[in-house]
Amino acid sequence: IESASGLTIFSTPNNRGDTALHFWVLKKDVLFLEILGKMKVDFNLLDKKGNSCLFLCLRERQYKKCTSLIKFGAKFVANQKQLTQMVIKAIKDGDAHFFQ
């Protein structure tokens, strides 16, 4: 990663519209996100569904990653239908973290 010249590889979508960045944000640890953030990676890329990395981490209840992403300027952007479903699920599960 440190040798990647343009970092455009992060934004190249696969056949489902997911970018490498979205996959890595969900699968890697917080330390990896910190490295990417220091490399000035744009965490505000949207996947084909219109969701940001921050939304995906919140949906998966990866709250430490959410904090890290926000530190590097990530914005919360979500497809309205998925956001509505997520809010309803959070209310049903009593997930107070979602609303903080």
N, C-alpha and C. Protein backbone atom coordinates (compact mmCIF):
# COMPACT_ATOMS: atom_id res chain seq x y z
N ILE A 1 0.83 -1.20 0.00
CA ILE A 1 0.00 0.00 0.00
C ILE A 1 0.86 1.24 0.00
N GLU A 2 1.93 1.24 0.79
CA GLU A 2 2.78 2.43 0.86
C GLU A 2 3.40 2.77 -0.49
N SER A 3 3.52 1.79 -1.37
CA SER A 3 4.12 2.06 -2.67
C SER A 3 3.09 2.41 -3.73
N ALA A 4 1.80 2.38 -3.38
CA ALA A 4 0.77 2.72 -4.35
C ALA A 4 0.89 4.20 -4.72
N SER A 5 1.06 4.45 -6.01
CA SER A 5 1.32 5.83 -6.42
C SER A 5 0.09 6.71 -6.41
N GLY A 6 -1.02 6.26 -6.99
CA GLY A 6 -2.17 7.12 -7.08
C GLY A 6 -3.30 6.82 -6.13
N LEU A 7 -3.26 5.68 -5.49
CA LEU A 7 -4.32 5.23 -4.59
C LEU A 7 -5.67 5.09 -5.29
N THR A 8 -5.67 5.12 -6.63
CA THR A 8 -6.93 4.96 -7.36
C THR A 8 -7.45 3.54 -7.26
N ILE A 9 -6.58 2.61 -6.90
CA ILE A 9 -7.02 1.23 -6.75
C ILE A 9 -8.13 1.12 -5.70
N PHE A 10 -8.15 2.01 -4.74
CA PHE A 10 -9.17 1.98 -3.69
C PHE A 10 -10.56 2.24 -4.23
N SER A 11 -10.66 3.03 -5.27
CA SER A 11 -11.97 3.44 -5.75
C SER A 11 -12.48 2.59 -6.92
N THR A 12 -11.71 1.63 -7.36
CA THR A 12 -12.14 0.79 -8.47
C THR A 12 -13.16 -0.23 -7.98
N PRO A 13 -14.39 -0.17 -8.52
CA PRO A 13 -15.43 -1.08 -8.03
C PRO A 13 -15.31 -2.47 -8.64
N ASN A 14 -15.78 -3.46 -7.88
CA ASN A 14 -15.86 -4.81 -8.43
C ASN A 14 -17.20 -4.96 -9.16
N ASN A 15 -17.54 -6.18 -9.57
CA ASN A 15 -18.77 -6.38 -10.34
C ASN A 15 -20.05 -6.14 -9.53
N ARG A 16 -19.94 -6.05 -8.19
CA ARG A 16 -21.12 -5.76 -7.35
C ARG A 16 -21.19 -4.29 -6.96
N GLY A 17 -20.21 -3.49 -7.41
CA GLY A 17 -20.21 -2.07 -7.08
C GLY A 17 -19.49 -1.73 -5.80
N ASP A 18 -18.87 -2.71 -5.16
CA ASP A 18 -18.12 -2.47 -3.93
C ASP A 18 -16.70 -2.07 -4.29
N THR A 19 -16.16 -1.09 -3.59
CA THR A 19 -14.77 -0.71 -3.83
C THR A 19 -13.86 -1.45 -2.87
N ALA A 20 -12.58 -1.51 -3.22
CA ALA A 20 -11.60 -2.13 -2.33
C ALA A 20 -11.58 -1.40 -1.00
N LEU A 21 -11.74 -0.08 -1.04
CA LEU A 21 -11.73 0.69 0.21
C LEU A 21 -12.87 0.25 1.12
N HIS A 22 -14.06 0.12 0.60
CA HIS A 22 -15.20 -0.29 1.42
C HIS A 22 -14.96 -1.68 2.02
N PHE A 23 -14.42 -2.58 1.23
CA PHE A 23 -14.12 -3.93 1.72
C PHE A 23 -13.08 -3.86 2.83
N TRP A 24 -12.00 -3.12 2.61
CA TRP A 24 -10.92 -3.04 3.60
C TRP A 24 -11.39 -2.39 4.89
N VAL A 25 -12.21 -1.36 4.77
CA VAL A 25 -12.71 -0.69 5.97
C VAL A 25 -13.48 -1.66 6.84
N LEU A 26 -14.24 -2.54 6.24
CA LEU A 26 -15.02 -3.51 7.02
C LEU A 26 -14.18 -4.66 7.55
N LYS A 27 -13.17 -5.07 6.80
CA LYS A 27 -12.44 -6.29 7.15
C LYS A 27 -11.15 -6.06 7.94
N LYS A 28 -10.52 -4.93 7.79
CA LYS A 28 -9.25 -4.68 8.46
C LYS A 28 -9.48 -4.04 9.83
N ASP A 29 -8.41 -3.92 10.61
CA ASP A 29 -8.53 -3.36 11.95
C ASP A 29 -8.38 -1.83 11.94
N VAL A 30 -8.57 -1.24 13.10
CA VAL A 30 -8.51 0.22 13.23
C VAL A 30 -7.13 0.75 12.88
N LEU A 31 -6.09 0.04 13.24
CA LEU A 31 -4.73 0.47 12.93
C LEU A 31 -4.54 0.63 11.42
N PHE A 32 -5.09 -0.29 10.65
CA PHE A 32 -5.00 -0.20 9.20
C PHE A 32 -5.71 1.06 8.69
N LEU A 33 -6.86 1.37 9.27
CA LEU A 33 -7.58 2.59 8.87
C LEU A 33 -6.78 3.83 9.21
N GLU A 34 -6.09 3.80 10.34
CA GLU A 34 -5.25 4.93 10.73
C GLU A 34 -4.14 5.15 9.69
N ILE A 35 -3.55 4.07 9.22
CA ILE A 35 -2.50 4.16 8.19
C ILE A 35 -3.08 4.77 6.92
N LEU A 36 -4.24 4.29 6.50
CA LEU A 36 -4.87 4.83 5.30
C LEU A 36 -5.22 6.31 5.49
N GLY A 37 -5.72 6.66 6.66
CA GLY A 37 -6.07 8.05 6.94
C GLY A 37 -4.86 8.97 6.86
N LYS A 38 -3.74 8.52 7.38
CA LYS A 38 -2.51 9.32 7.32
C LYS A 38 -1.99 9.45 5.89
N MET A 39 -2.39 8.50 5.02
CA MET A 39 -2.02 8.56 3.61
C MET A 39 -3.00 9.45 2.83
N LYS A 40 -3.94 10.05 3.54
CA LYS A 40 -4.94 10.96 2.95
C LYS A 40 -5.92 10.24 2.01
N VAL A 41 -6.22 8.98 2.32
CA VAL A 41 -7.22 8.26 1.55
C VAL A 41 -8.58 8.91 1.78
N ASP A 42 -9.36 9.04 0.73
CA ASP A 42 -10.69 9.66 0.83
C ASP A 42 -11.70 8.62 1.29
N PHE A 43 -12.06 8.67 2.56
CA PHE A 43 -13.03 7.73 3.11
C PHE A 43 -14.46 8.08 2.71
N ASN A 44 -14.64 9.12 1.91
CA ASN A 44 -15.98 9.53 1.52
C ASN A 44 -16.40 8.97 0.16
N LEU A 45 -15.64 8.04 -0.38
CA LEU A 45 -16.06 7.37 -1.61
C LEU A 45 -17.37 6.64 -1.35
N LEU A 46 -18.25 6.66 -2.32
CA LEU A 46 -19.53 5.95 -2.19
C LEU A 46 -19.49 4.67 -3.00
N ASP A 47 -20.12 3.65 -2.48
CA ASP A 47 -20.23 2.42 -3.25
C ASP A 47 -21.39 2.57 -4.24
N LYS A 48 -21.64 1.55 -5.02
CA LYS A 48 -22.68 1.61 -6.05
C LYS A 48 -24.06 1.88 -5.45
N LYS A 49 -24.26 1.49 -4.21
CA LYS A 49 -25.55 1.69 -3.55
C LYS A 49 -25.68 3.09 -2.95
N GLY A 50 -24.60 3.89 -3.00
CA GLY A 50 -24.65 5.24 -2.46
C GLY A 50 -24.30 5.34 -0.99
N ASN A 51 -23.57 4.37 -0.47
CA ASN A 51 -23.22 4.35 0.94
C ASN A 51 -21.74 4.67 1.16
N SER A 52 -21.48 5.43 2.20
CA SER A 52 -20.10 5.76 2.55
C SER A 52 -19.51 4.68 3.46
N CYS A 53 -18.21 4.73 3.62
CA CYS A 53 -17.52 3.80 4.52
C CYS A 53 -18.03 3.94 5.95
N LEU A 54 -18.29 5.17 6.36
CA LEU A 54 -18.78 5.41 7.72
C LEU A 54 -20.13 4.74 7.93
N PHE A 55 -21.01 4.82 6.95
CA PHE A 55 -22.31 4.16 7.06
C PHE A 55 -22.14 2.66 7.22
N LEU A 56 -21.25 2.06 6.41
CA LEU A 56 -21.06 0.62 6.48
C LEU A 56 -20.55 0.18 7.85
N CYS A 57 -19.61 0.95 8.40
CA CYS A 57 -19.10 0.60 9.73
C CYS A 57 -20.17 0.74 10.80
N LEU A 58 -20.98 1.76 10.69
CA LEU A 58 -22.07 1.94 11.65
C LEU A 58 -23.09 0.81 11.51
N ARG A 59 -23.39 0.46 10.28
CA ARG A 59 -24.34 -0.64 10.04
C ARG A 59 -23.84 -1.95 10.65
N GLU A 60 -22.54 -2.16 10.57
CA GLU A 60 -21.95 -3.39 11.11
C GLU A 60 -21.57 -3.26 12.59
N ARG A 61 -21.92 -2.12 13.19
CA ARG A 61 -21.68 -1.85 14.61
C ARG A 61 -20.20 -1.92 14.98
N GLN A 62 -19.37 -1.40 14.07
CA GLN A 62 -17.93 -1.33 14.30
C GLN A 62 -17.60 0.09 14.75
N TYR A 63 -17.98 0.39 15.99
CA TYR A 63 -17.97 1.77 16.49
C TYR A 63 -16.57 2.36 16.63
N LYS A 64 -15.57 1.56 16.97
CA LYS A 64 -14.20 2.09 17.05
C LYS A 64 -13.72 2.55 15.68
N LYS A 65 -14.10 1.81 14.66
CA LYS A 65 -13.74 2.21 13.30
C LYS A 65 -14.46 3.50 12.91
N CYS A 66 -15.70 3.65 13.35
CA CYS A 66 -16.45 4.88 13.06
C CYS A 66 -15.71 6.08 13.62
N THR A 67 -15.24 5.97 14.85
CA THR A 67 -14.51 7.06 15.49
C THR A 67 -13.26 7.41 14.68
N SER A 68 -12.54 6.39 14.24
CA SER A 68 -11.33 6.60 13.45
C SER A 68 -11.66 7.27 12.11
N LEU A 69 -12.69 6.81 11.45
CA LEU A 69 -13.07 7.39 10.16
C LEU A 69 -13.47 8.86 10.30
N ILE A 70 -14.22 9.16 11.34
CA ILE A 70 -14.64 10.55 11.57
C ILE A 70 -13.42 11.44 11.79
N LYS A 71 -12.43 10.92 12.50
CA LYS A 71 -11.20 11.68 12.74
C LYS A 71 -10.53 12.09 11.43
N PHE A 72 -10.69 11.27 10.39
CA PHE A 72 -10.07 11.56 9.10
C PHE A 72 -11.06 12.15 8.10
N GLY A 73 -12.14 12.72 8.61
CA GLY A 73 -13.06 13.49 7.77
C GLY A 73 -14.15 12.70 7.07
N ALA A 74 -14.39 11.47 7.48
CA ALA A 74 -15.43 10.68 6.84
C ALA A 74 -16.80 11.27 7.13
N LYS A 75 -17.64 11.25 6.13
CA LYS A 75 -19.01 11.75 6.25
C LYS A 75 -19.99 10.59 6.22
N PHE A 76 -21.12 10.77 6.84
CA PHE A 76 -22.17 9.76 6.88
C PHE A 76 -23.08 9.97 5.69
N VAL A 77 -22.99 9.07 4.73
CA VAL A 77 -23.85 9.13 3.54
C VAL A 77 -24.45 7.74 3.34
N ALA A 78 -25.77 7.70 3.16
CA ALA A 78 -26.42 6.40 3.04
C ALA A 78 -27.60 6.47 2.09
N ASN A 79 -27.86 5.36 1.47
CA ASN A 79 -29.05 5.15 0.68
C ASN A 79 -30.23 5.25 1.64
N GLN A 80 -31.25 6.02 1.31
CA GLN A 80 -32.36 6.28 2.24
C GLN A 80 -33.05 5.01 2.70
N LYS A 81 -33.25 4.08 1.80
CA LYS A 81 -33.94 2.84 2.17
C LYS A 81 -33.11 2.05 3.19
N GLN A 82 -31.81 1.94 2.94
CA GLN A 82 -30.96 1.20 3.87
C GLN A 82 -30.85 1.92 5.21
N LEU A 83 -30.79 3.23 5.18
CA LEU A 83 -30.72 4.00 6.42
C LEU A 83 -31.97 3.79 7.26
N THR A 84 -33.13 3.84 6.63
CA THR A 84 -34.38 3.62 7.34
C THR A 84 -34.42 2.24 7.98
N GLN A 85 -34.00 1.23 7.22
CA GLN A 85 -33.97 -0.13 7.76
C GLN A 85 -33.01 -0.23 8.95
N MET A 86 -31.89 0.46 8.84
CA MET A 86 -30.90 0.42 9.91
C MET A 86 -31.41 1.09 11.18
N VAL A 87 -32.07 2.22 11.03
CA VAL A 87 -32.63 2.93 12.20
C VAL A 87 -33.69 2.07 12.87
N ILE A 88 -34.55 1.46 12.10
CA ILE A 88 -35.59 0.60 12.67
C ILE A 88 -34.96 -0.57 13.43
N LYS A 89 -33.94 -1.18 12.85
CA LYS A 89 -33.25 -2.29 13.51
C LYS A 89 -32.58 -1.82 14.80
N ALA A 90 -31.95 -0.65 14.78
CA ALA A 90 -31.29 -0.12 15.98
C ALA A 90 -32.31 0.12 17.09
N ILE A 91 -33.45 0.65 16.74
CA ILE A 91 -34.51 0.88 17.74
C ILE A 91 -34.98 -0.45 18.30
N LYS A 92 -35.23 -1.40 17.42
CA LYS A 92 -35.70 -2.72 17.84
C LYS A 92 -34.70 -3.41 18.75
N ASP A 93 -33.40 -3.27 18.45
CA ASP A 93 -32.34 -3.92 19.23
C ASP A 93 -31.93 -3.11 20.46
N GLY A 94 -32.49 -1.91 20.60
CA GLY A 94 -32.10 -1.05 21.73
C GLY A 94 -30.65 -0.60 21.66
N ASP A 95 -30.16 -0.37 20.46
CA ASP A 95 -28.75 -0.03 20.23
C ASP A 95 -28.55 1.48 20.42
N ALA A 96 -28.21 1.86 21.63
CA ALA A 96 -28.02 3.28 21.95
C ALA A 96 -26.81 3.88 21.24
N HIS A 97 -25.78 3.08 20.95
CA HIS A 97 -24.59 3.60 20.25
C HIS A 97 -24.94 4.24 18.92
N PHE A 98 -25.91 3.66 18.22
CA PHE A 98 -26.30 4.18 16.92
C PHE A 98 -26.73 5.64 17.01
N PHE A 99 -27.42 5.98 18.08
CA PHE A 99 -27.99 7.32 18.21
C PHE A 99 -27.07 8.32 18.89
N GLN A 100 -25.91 7.87 19.35
CA GLN A 100 -24.95 8.79 19.97
C GLN A 100 -24.11 9.31 18.90
